[in-house]
């Protein structure tokens, strides 16, 4: 499975099996995380065999066997959320290619425990966690807006633009808002996201998905 296929098959999963992550899978995840951290100048960290970062209420009411997660953190900079959204999308989809399921959690988690278990530096901000593991099922697709709702193009849109928008619509966003707008003209593209909860994270996630669908070689950002 490649990233493109992973985008189409990944859905939020909250119920997991007790199956631990094999050592080889952890090695591959950590290698990918290291590359993301170095490339984006962020600090993401894999934590296994621990459930303390998810709030007790959420863990008891509608999740099960949530024992592995990736902490999303970085230095206090204006573009931190966007970088973590972009990098988080990459590691989440990479996990899918390894046969894992995932759940992006931006609000209902324990930052103190996530910081301690993830070895996060005290000066870093934490912006969420990504639950990973072997799901009891593969989740279900979320309701989605149409391409007309979220995009516009000056003239007849090329195939790469249409495909990029379609791929962006498959991305997870906070509360499924999908409050983004993708504009194109020639080979120039701009992507914006309405202000609101986790808008910076969502912008990064959307940019990552659009780039996979459109092909980064076909356009440049305005």
C-alpha atoms as a PDB file:
ATOM      1  CA  UNK A   1       0.000   0.000   0.000  1.00  0.00           C
ATOM      2  CA  UNK A   2       1.309   3.453  -0.876  1.00  0.00           C
ATOM      3  CA  UNK A   3       0.354   6.829   0.657  1.00  0.00           C
ATOM      4  CA  UNK A   4      -2.190   7.542  -2.077  1.00  0.00           C
ATOM      5  CA  UNK A   5      -4.044   4.313  -1.316  1.00  0.00           C
ATOM      6  CA  UNK A   6      -3.703   4.918   2.416  1.00  0.00           C
ATOM      7  CA  UNK A   7      -5.526   8.239   2.035  1.00  0.00           C
ATOM      8  CA  UNK A   8      -8.489   6.452   0.505  1.00  0.00           C
ATOM      9  CA  UNK A   9      -8.571   3.638   3.046  1.00  0.00           C
ATOM     10  CA  UNK A  10      -7.826   5.500   6.286  1.00  0.00           C
ATOM     11  CA  UNK A  11     -10.760   6.383   8.551  1.00  0.00           C
ATOM     12  CA  UNK A  12     -10.943   7.261  12.236  1.00  0.00           C
ATOM     13  CA  UNK A  13     -10.834   4.197  14.494  1.00  0.00           C
ATOM     14  CA  UNK A  14     -11.444   4.389  18.255  1.00  0.00           C
ATOM     15  CA  UNK A  15     -11.724   0.694  19.166  1.00  0.00           C
ATOM     16  CA  UNK A  16      -8.495  -1.295  19.035  1.00  0.00           C
ATOM     17  CA  UNK A  17      -7.284  -4.827  19.594  1.00  0.00           C
ATOM     18  CA  UNK A  18      -4.883  -5.608  22.431  1.00  0.00           C
ATOM     19  CA  UNK A  19      -2.228  -6.624  19.907  1.00  0.00           C
ATOM     20  CA  UNK A  20       1.046  -4.822  20.727  1.00  0.00           C
ATOM     21  CA  UNK A  21       3.060  -3.087  18.033  1.00  0.00           C
ATOM     22  CA  UNK A  22       5.867  -5.372  16.790  1.00  0.00           C
ATOM     23  CA  UNK A  23       9.430  -4.154  17.269  1.00  0.00           C
ATOM     24  CA  UNK A  24       9.979  -3.846  13.506  1.00  0.00           C
ATOM     25  CA  UNK A  25       6.872  -1.666  13.111  1.00  0.00           C
ATOM     26  CA  UNK A  26       8.072   0.601  15.932  1.00  0.00           C
ATOM     27  CA  UNK A  27      11.476   0.847  14.265  1.00  0.00           C
ATOM     28  CA  UNK A  28       9.917   1.907  10.964  1.00  0.00           C
ATOM     29  CA  UNK A  29       7.655   4.440  12.659  1.00  0.00           C
ATOM     30  CA  UNK A  30      10.526   5.940  14.631  1.00  0.00           C
ATOM     31  CA  UNK A  31      12.647   6.257  11.499  1.00  0.00           C
ATOM     32  CA  UNK A  32       9.835   8.087   9.733  1.00  0.00           C
ATOM     33  CA  UNK A  33       9.239  10.317  12.757  1.00  0.00           C
ATOM     34  CA  UNK A  34      12.929  11.185  12.916  1.00  0.00           C
ATOM     35  CA  UNK A  35      12.881  12.233   9.249  1.00  0.00           C
ATOM     36  CA  UNK A  36       9.773  14.386   9.807  1.00  0.00           C
ATOM     37  CA  UNK A  37      11.268  16.013  12.905  1.00  0.00           C
ATOM     38  CA  UNK A  38      14.456  16.896  11.063  1.00  0.00           C
ATOM     39  CA  UNK A  39      12.690  18.066   7.911  1.00  0.00           C
ATOM     40  CA  UNK A  40      10.093  20.270   9.610  1.00  0.00           C
ATOM     41  CA  UNK A  41      11.985  21.204  12.787  1.00  0.00           C
ATOM     42  CA  UNK A  42       9.313  19.761  15.084  1.00  0.00           C
ATOM     43  CA  UNK A  43       9.363  17.196  17.902  1.00  0.00           C
ATOM     44  CA  UNK A  44       7.082  14.202  17.426  1.00  0.00           C
ATOM     45  CA  UNK A  45       7.471  11.178  19.675  1.00  0.00           C
ATOM     46  CA  UNK A  46       6.122   7.617  19.599  1.00  0.00           C
ATOM     47  CA  UNK A  47       4.821   6.189  22.888  1.00  0.00           C
ATOM     48  CA  UNK A  48       3.837   2.512  23.149  1.00  0.00           C
ATOM     49  CA  UNK A  49       2.060   0.402  25.756  1.00  0.00           C
ATOM     50  CA  UNK A  50       0.601   3.404  27.563  1.00  0.00           C
ATOM     51  CA  UNK A  51      -2.921   4.784  27.737  1.00  0.00           C
ATOM     52  CA  UNK A  52      -2.418   7.725  30.102  1.00  0.00           C
ATOM     53  CA  UNK A  53      -2.386  10.464  27.456  1.00  0.00           C
ATOM     54  CA  UNK A  54      -6.056   9.956  26.572  1.00  0.00           C
ATOM     55  CA  UNK A  55      -8.536  11.505  28.991  1.00  0.00           C
ATOM     56  CA  UNK A  56     -10.211   9.024  31.341  1.00  0.00           C
ATOM     57  CA  UNK A  57     -13.719  10.071  30.263  1.00  0.00           C
ATOM     58  CA  UNK A  58     -13.013   9.433  26.582  1.00  0.00           C
ATOM     59  CA  UNK A  59     -11.196   6.184  27.280  1.00  0.00           C
ATOM     60  CA  UNK A  60     -14.129   4.835  29.296  1.00  0.00           C
ATOM     61  CA  UNK A  61     -17.005   6.038  27.125  1.00  0.00           C
ATOM     62  CA  UNK A  62     -16.153   5.422  23.472  1.00  0.00           C
ATOM     63  CA  UNK A  63     -12.671   4.007  23.003  1.00  0.00           C
ATOM     64  CA  UNK A  64     -10.956   0.722  23.814  1.00  0.00           C
ATOM     65  CA  UNK A  65      -7.375  -0.553  24.048  1.00  0.00           C
ATOM     66  CA  UNK A  66      -5.850   2.820  23.166  1.00  0.00           C
ATOM     67  CA  UNK A  67      -2.268   1.947  24.105  1.00  0.00           C
ATOM     68  CA  UNK A  68      -0.026   3.598  21.489  1.00  0.00           C
ATOM     69  CA  UNK A  69       0.186   7.173  20.309  1.00  0.00           C
ATOM     70  CA  UNK A  70       2.373   9.812  18.722  1.00  0.00           C
ATOM     71  CA  UNK A  71       2.770  13.129  20.537  1.00  0.00           C
ATOM     72  CA  UNK A  72       2.788  16.216  18.310  1.00  0.00           C
ATOM     73  CA  UNK A  73       4.951  19.025  19.649  1.00  0.00           C
ATOM     74  CA  UNK A  74       7.415  21.709  18.675  1.00  0.00           C
ATOM     75  CA  UNK A  75       8.862  25.117  19.447  1.00  0.00           C
ATOM     76  CA  UNK A  76       6.479  28.024  20.002  1.00  0.00           C
ATOM     77  CA  UNK A  77       6.461  29.467  16.482  1.00  0.00           C
ATOM     78  CA  UNK A  78       3.683  31.003  14.392  1.00  0.00           C
ATOM     79  CA  UNK A  79       3.591  28.101  11.924  1.00  0.00           C
ATOM     80  CA  UNK A  80       3.919  25.285  14.474  1.00  0.00           C
ATOM     81  CA  UNK A  81       0.369  23.994  14.053  1.00  0.00           C
ATOM     82  CA  UNK A  82       0.624  23.939  10.271  1.00  0.00           C
ATOM     83  CA  UNK A  83       3.924  22.040  10.404  1.00  0.00           C
ATOM     84  CA  UNK A  84       2.528  19.517  12.880  1.00  0.00           C
ATOM     85  CA  UNK A  85      -0.600  19.089  10.781  1.00  0.00           C
ATOM     86  CA  UNK A  86       1.549  18.393   7.729  1.00  0.00           C
ATOM     87  CA  UNK A  87       3.948  16.070   9.538  1.00  0.00           C
ATOM     88  CA  UNK A  88       1.163  14.403  11.490  1.00  0.00           C
ATOM     89  CA  UNK A  89      -0.695  13.632   8.263  1.00  0.00           C
ATOM     90  CA  UNK A  90       2.430  11.999   6.882  1.00  0.00           C
ATOM     91  CA  UNK A  91       3.066   9.733   9.873  1.00  0.00           C
ATOM     92  CA  UNK A  92      -0.627   8.867  10.223  1.00  0.00           C
ATOM     93  CA  UNK A  93      -0.832   7.754   6.604  1.00  0.00           C
ATOM     94  CA  UNK A  94       2.524   6.002   6.796  1.00  0.00           C
ATOM     95  CA  UNK A  95       1.135   4.020   9.743  1.00  0.00           C
ATOM     96  CA  UNK A  96      -1.795   3.043   7.512  1.00  0.00           C
ATOM     97  CA  UNK A  97       0.624   1.642   4.910  1.00  0.00           C
ATOM     98  CA  UNK A  98       2.043  -0.551   7.686  1.00  0.00           C
ATOM     99  CA  UNK A  99      -1.384  -2.046   8.389  1.00  0.00           C
ATOM    100  CA  UNK A 100      -2.232   0.185  11.365  1.00  0.00           C
ATOM    101  CA  UNK A 101      -5.297   2.302  12.069  1.00  0.00           C
ATOM    102  CA  UNK A 102      -5.361   5.747  13.632  1.00  0.00           C
ATOM    103  CA  UNK A 103      -7.314   8.476  15.409  1.00  0.00           C
ATOM    104  CA  UNK A 104      -6.239  12.123  15.492  1.00  0.00           C
ATOM    105  CA  UNK A 105      -6.990  13.636  18.922  1.00  0.00           C
ATOM    106  CA  UNK A 106      -6.660  17.409  19.266  1.00  0.00           C
ATOM    107  CA  UNK A 107      -8.590  18.164  22.435  1.00  0.00           C
ATOM    108  CA  UNK A 108      -9.511  15.313  24.763  1.00  0.00           C
ATOM    109  CA  UNK A 109      -6.072  14.257  25.921  1.00  0.00           C
ATOM    110  CA  UNK A 110      -3.847  14.765  28.956  1.00  0.00           C
ATOM    111  CA  UNK A 111      -1.011  17.121  28.000  1.00  0.00           C
ATOM    112  CA  UNK A 112       0.929  16.476  31.190  1.00  0.00           C
ATOM    113  CA  UNK A 113       1.043  12.725  30.661  1.00  0.00           C
ATOM    114  CA  UNK A 114       1.730  13.138  26.939  1.00  0.00           C
ATOM    115  CA  UNK A 115       4.677  15.406  27.758  1.00  0.00           C
ATOM    116  CA  UNK A 116       6.100  13.023  30.354  1.00  0.00           C
ATOM    117  CA  UNK A 117       5.662   9.791  28.388  1.00  0.00           C
ATOM    118  CA  UNK A 118       6.778  11.361  25.110  1.00  0.00           C
ATOM    119  CA  UNK A 119       9.879  12.974  26.599  1.00  0.00           C
ATOM    120  CA  UNK A 120       8.766  16.361  25.299  1.00  0.00           C
ATOM    121  CA  UNK A 121      11.073  19.299  26.205  1.00  0.00           C
ATOM    122  CA  UNK A 122       9.517  21.708  28.682  1.00  0.00           C
ATOM    123  CA  UNK A 123       9.764  24.650  26.287  1.00  0.00           C
ATOM    124  CA  UNK A 124       7.803  22.853  23.564  1.00  0.00           C
ATOM    125  CA  UNK A 125       4.090  23.232  22.937  1.00  0.00           C
ATOM    126  CA  UNK A 126       1.958  20.114  22.493  1.00  0.00           C
ATOM    127  CA  UNK A 127      -0.775  20.321  19.886  1.00  0.00           C
ATOM    128  CA  UNK A 128      -2.312  16.854  19.906  1.00  0.00           C
ATOM    129  CA  UNK A 129      -1.724  13.133  19.760  1.00  0.00           C
ATOM    130  CA  UNK A 130      -2.341  10.514  17.094  1.00  0.00           C
ATOM    131  CA  UNK A 131      -3.596   7.182  18.397  1.00  0.00           C
ATOM    132  CA  UNK A 132      -2.308   4.210  16.400  1.00  0.00           C
ATOM    133  CA  UNK A 133      -2.776   0.452  16.616  1.00  0.00           C
ATOM    134  CA  UNK A 134      -4.600  -2.508  15.136  1.00  0.00           C
ATOM    135  CA  UNK A 135      -8.252  -1.547  14.925  1.00  0.00           C
ATOM    136  CA  UNK A 136     -11.183  -3.837  15.586  1.00  0.00           C
ATOM    137  CA  UNK A 137     -12.487  -2.441  12.273  1.00  0.00           C
ATOM    138  CA  UNK A 138     -11.343  -0.016   9.599  1.00  0.00           C
ATOM    139  CA  UNK A 139     -13.714   2.817  10.506  1.00  0.00           C
ATOM    140  CA  UNK A 140     -16.234   4.475   8.209  1.00  0.00           C
ATOM    141  CA  UNK A 141     -15.920   7.375   5.732  1.00  0.00           C
ATOM    142  CA  UNK A 142     -16.852  10.844   7.003  1.00  0.00           C
ATOM    143  CA  UNK A 143     -19.494  13.019   5.376  1.00  0.00           C
ATOM    144  CA  UNK A 144     -17.889  15.283   2.834  1.00  0.00           C
ATOM    145  CA  UNK A 145     -18.487  18.563   1.076  1.00  0.00           C
ATOM    146  CA  UNK A 146     -18.322  18.778  -2.719  1.00  0.00           C
ATOM    147  CA  UNK A 147     -15.420  20.147  -4.769  1.00  0.00           C
ATOM    148  CA  UNK A 148     -17.531  23.204  -5.618  1.00  0.00           C
ATOM    149  CA  UNK A 149     -17.848  23.998  -1.905  1.00  0.00           C
ATOM    150  CA  UNK A 150     -14.107  24.070  -1.257  1.00  0.00           C
ATOM    151  CA  UNK A 151     -12.346  25.119  -4.469  1.00  0.00           C
ATOM    152  CA  UNK A 152     -12.237  27.464  -7.430  1.00  0.00           C
ATOM    153  CA  UNK A 153     -10.008  27.648 -10.496  1.00  0.00           C
ATOM    154  CA  UNK A 154      -9.462  30.427 -13.009  1.00  0.00           C
ATOM    155  CA  UNK A 155     -10.497  28.757 -16.260  1.00  0.00           C
ATOM    156  CA  UNK A 156     -10.787  25.054 -16.982  1.00  0.00           C
ATOM    157  CA  UNK A 157      -9.176  23.179 -14.054  1.00  0.00           C
ATOM    158  CA  UNK A 158      -6.483  20.687 -15.035  1.00  0.00           C
ATOM    159  CA  UNK A 159      -6.705  17.072 -13.914  1.00  0.00           C
ATOM    160  CA  UNK A 160      -4.014  17.483 -11.256  1.00  0.00           C
ATOM    161  CA  UNK A 161      -5.987  20.294  -9.570  1.00  0.00           C
ATOM    162  CA  UNK A 162      -9.250  18.338  -9.575  1.00  0.00           C
ATOM    163  CA  UNK A 163      -7.507  15.277  -8.188  1.00  0.00           C
ATOM    164  CA  UNK A 164      -5.766  17.326  -5.520  1.00  0.00           C
ATOM    165  CA  UNK A 165      -9.046  18.822  -4.320  1.00  0.00           C
ATOM    166  CA  UNK A 166     -10.677  15.395  -4.265  1.00  0.00           C
ATOM    167  CA  UNK A 167      -7.830  14.031  -2.183  1.00  0.00           C
ATOM    168  CA  UNK A 168      -8.021  16.997   0.207  1.00  0.00           C
ATOM    169  CA  UNK A 169     -11.694  16.203   0.803  1.00  0.00           C
ATOM    170  CA  UNK A 170     -10.633  12.801   2.158  1.00  0.00           C
ATOM    171  CA  UNK A 171      -8.495  14.424   4.864  1.00  0.00           C
ATOM    172  CA  UNK A 172      -9.561  14.422   8.526  1.00  0.00           C
ATOM    173  CA  UNK A 173     -10.366  17.867   9.949  1.00  0.00           C
ATOM    174  CA  UNK A 174     -11.432  19.005  13.422  1.00  0.00           C
ATOM    175  CA  UNK A 175     -15.154  18.361  13.906  1.00  0.00           C
ATOM    176  CA  UNK A 176     -15.218  17.509  10.178  1.00  0.00           C
ATOM    177  CA  UNK A 177     -15.448  21.243   9.392  1.00  0.00           C
ATOM    178  CA  UNK A 178     -13.652  21.039   6.037  1.00  0.00           C
ATOM    179  CA  UNK A 179     -13.455  24.829   6.258  1.00  0.00           C
ATOM    180  CA  UNK A 180     -10.754  25.190   3.607  1.00  0.00           C
ATOM    181  CA  UNK A 181     -10.635  26.923   0.244  1.00  0.00           C
ATOM    182  CA  UNK A 182      -8.277  25.885  -2.537  1.00  0.00           C
ATOM    183  CA  UNK A 183      -7.816  28.376  -5.367  1.00  0.00           C
ATOM    184  CA  UNK A 184      -5.895  27.791  -8.577  1.00  0.00           C
ATOM    185  CA  UNK A 185      -4.744  29.777 -11.584  1.00  0.00           C
ATOM    186  CA  UNK A 186      -2.335  28.263 -14.081  1.00  0.00           C
ATOM    187  CA  UNK A 187       0.184  26.354 -11.986  1.00  0.00           C
ATOM    188  CA  UNK A 188      -0.273  28.567  -8.916  1.00  0.00           C
ATOM    189  CA  UNK A 189      -2.293  27.394  -5.900  1.00  0.00           C
ATOM    190  CA  UNK A 190      -3.350  28.976  -2.623  1.00  0.00           C
ATOM    191  CA  UNK A 191      -4.906  27.107   0.290  1.00  0.00           C
ATOM    192  CA  UNK A 192      -6.569  28.888   3.197  1.00  0.00           C
ATOM    193  CA  UNK A 193      -8.526  27.691   6.222  1.00  0.00           C
ATOM    194  CA  UNK A 194     -11.182  29.578   8.193  1.00  0.00           C
ATOM    195  CA  UNK A 195     -10.221  30.534  11.723  1.00  0.00           C
ATOM    196  CA  UNK A 196     -11.491  28.175  14.372  1.00  0.00           C
ATOM    197  CA  UNK A 197     -10.459  25.230  16.554  1.00  0.00           C
ATOM    198  CA  UNK A 198      -7.298  23.547  15.236  1.00  0.00           C
ATOM    199  CA  UNK A 199      -7.369  25.592  12.015  1.00  0.00           C
ATOM    200  CA  UNK A 200      -3.567  25.599  11.791  1.00  0.00           C
ATOM    201  CA  UNK A 201      -3.373  21.824  12.156  1.00  0.00           C
ATOM    202  CA  UNK A 202      -6.151  21.377   9.623  1.00  0.00           C
ATOM    203  CA  UNK A 203      -4.384  23.643   7.122  1.00  0.00           C
ATOM    204  CA  UNK A 204      -1.258  21.498   7.326  1.00  0.00           C
ATOM    205  CA  UNK A 205      -3.279  18.303   6.938  1.00  0.00           C
ATOM    206  CA  UNK A 206      -5.102  19.673   3.878  1.00  0.00           C
ATOM    207  CA  UNK A 207      -1.875  20.860   2.247  1.00  0.00           C
ATOM    208  CA  UNK A 208      -0.330  17.418   2.671  1.00  0.00           C
ATOM    209  CA  UNK A 209      -3.320  15.657   1.150  1.00  0.00           C
ATOM    210  CA  UNK A 210      -3.617  18.118  -1.722  1.00  0.00           C
ATOM    211  CA  UNK A 211       0.064  17.678  -2.578  1.00  0.00           C
ATOM    212  CA  UNK A 212      -0.269  13.897  -2.672  1.00  0.00           C
ATOM    213  CA  UNK A 213      -3.280  14.090  -4.970  1.00  0.00           C
ATOM    214  CA  UNK A 214      -2.092  16.904  -7.239  1.00  0.00           C
ATOM    215  CA  UNK A 215       1.576  15.964  -7.407  1.00  0.00           C
ATOM    216  CA  UNK A 216       3.973  18.525  -5.983  1.00  0.00           C
ATOM    217  CA  UNK A 217       5.735  18.790  -9.331  1.00  0.00           C
ATOM    218  CA  UNK A 218       2.622  20.207 -11.019  1.00  0.00           C
ATOM    219  CA  UNK A 219       2.192  23.446  -9.045  1.00  0.00           C
ATOM    220  CA  UNK A 220       3.688  25.977  -6.678  1.00  0.00           C
ATOM    221  CA  UNK A 221       2.078  27.929  -3.862  1.00  0.00           C
ATOM    222  CA  UNK A 222       1.355  31.604  -4.314  1.00  0.00           C
END
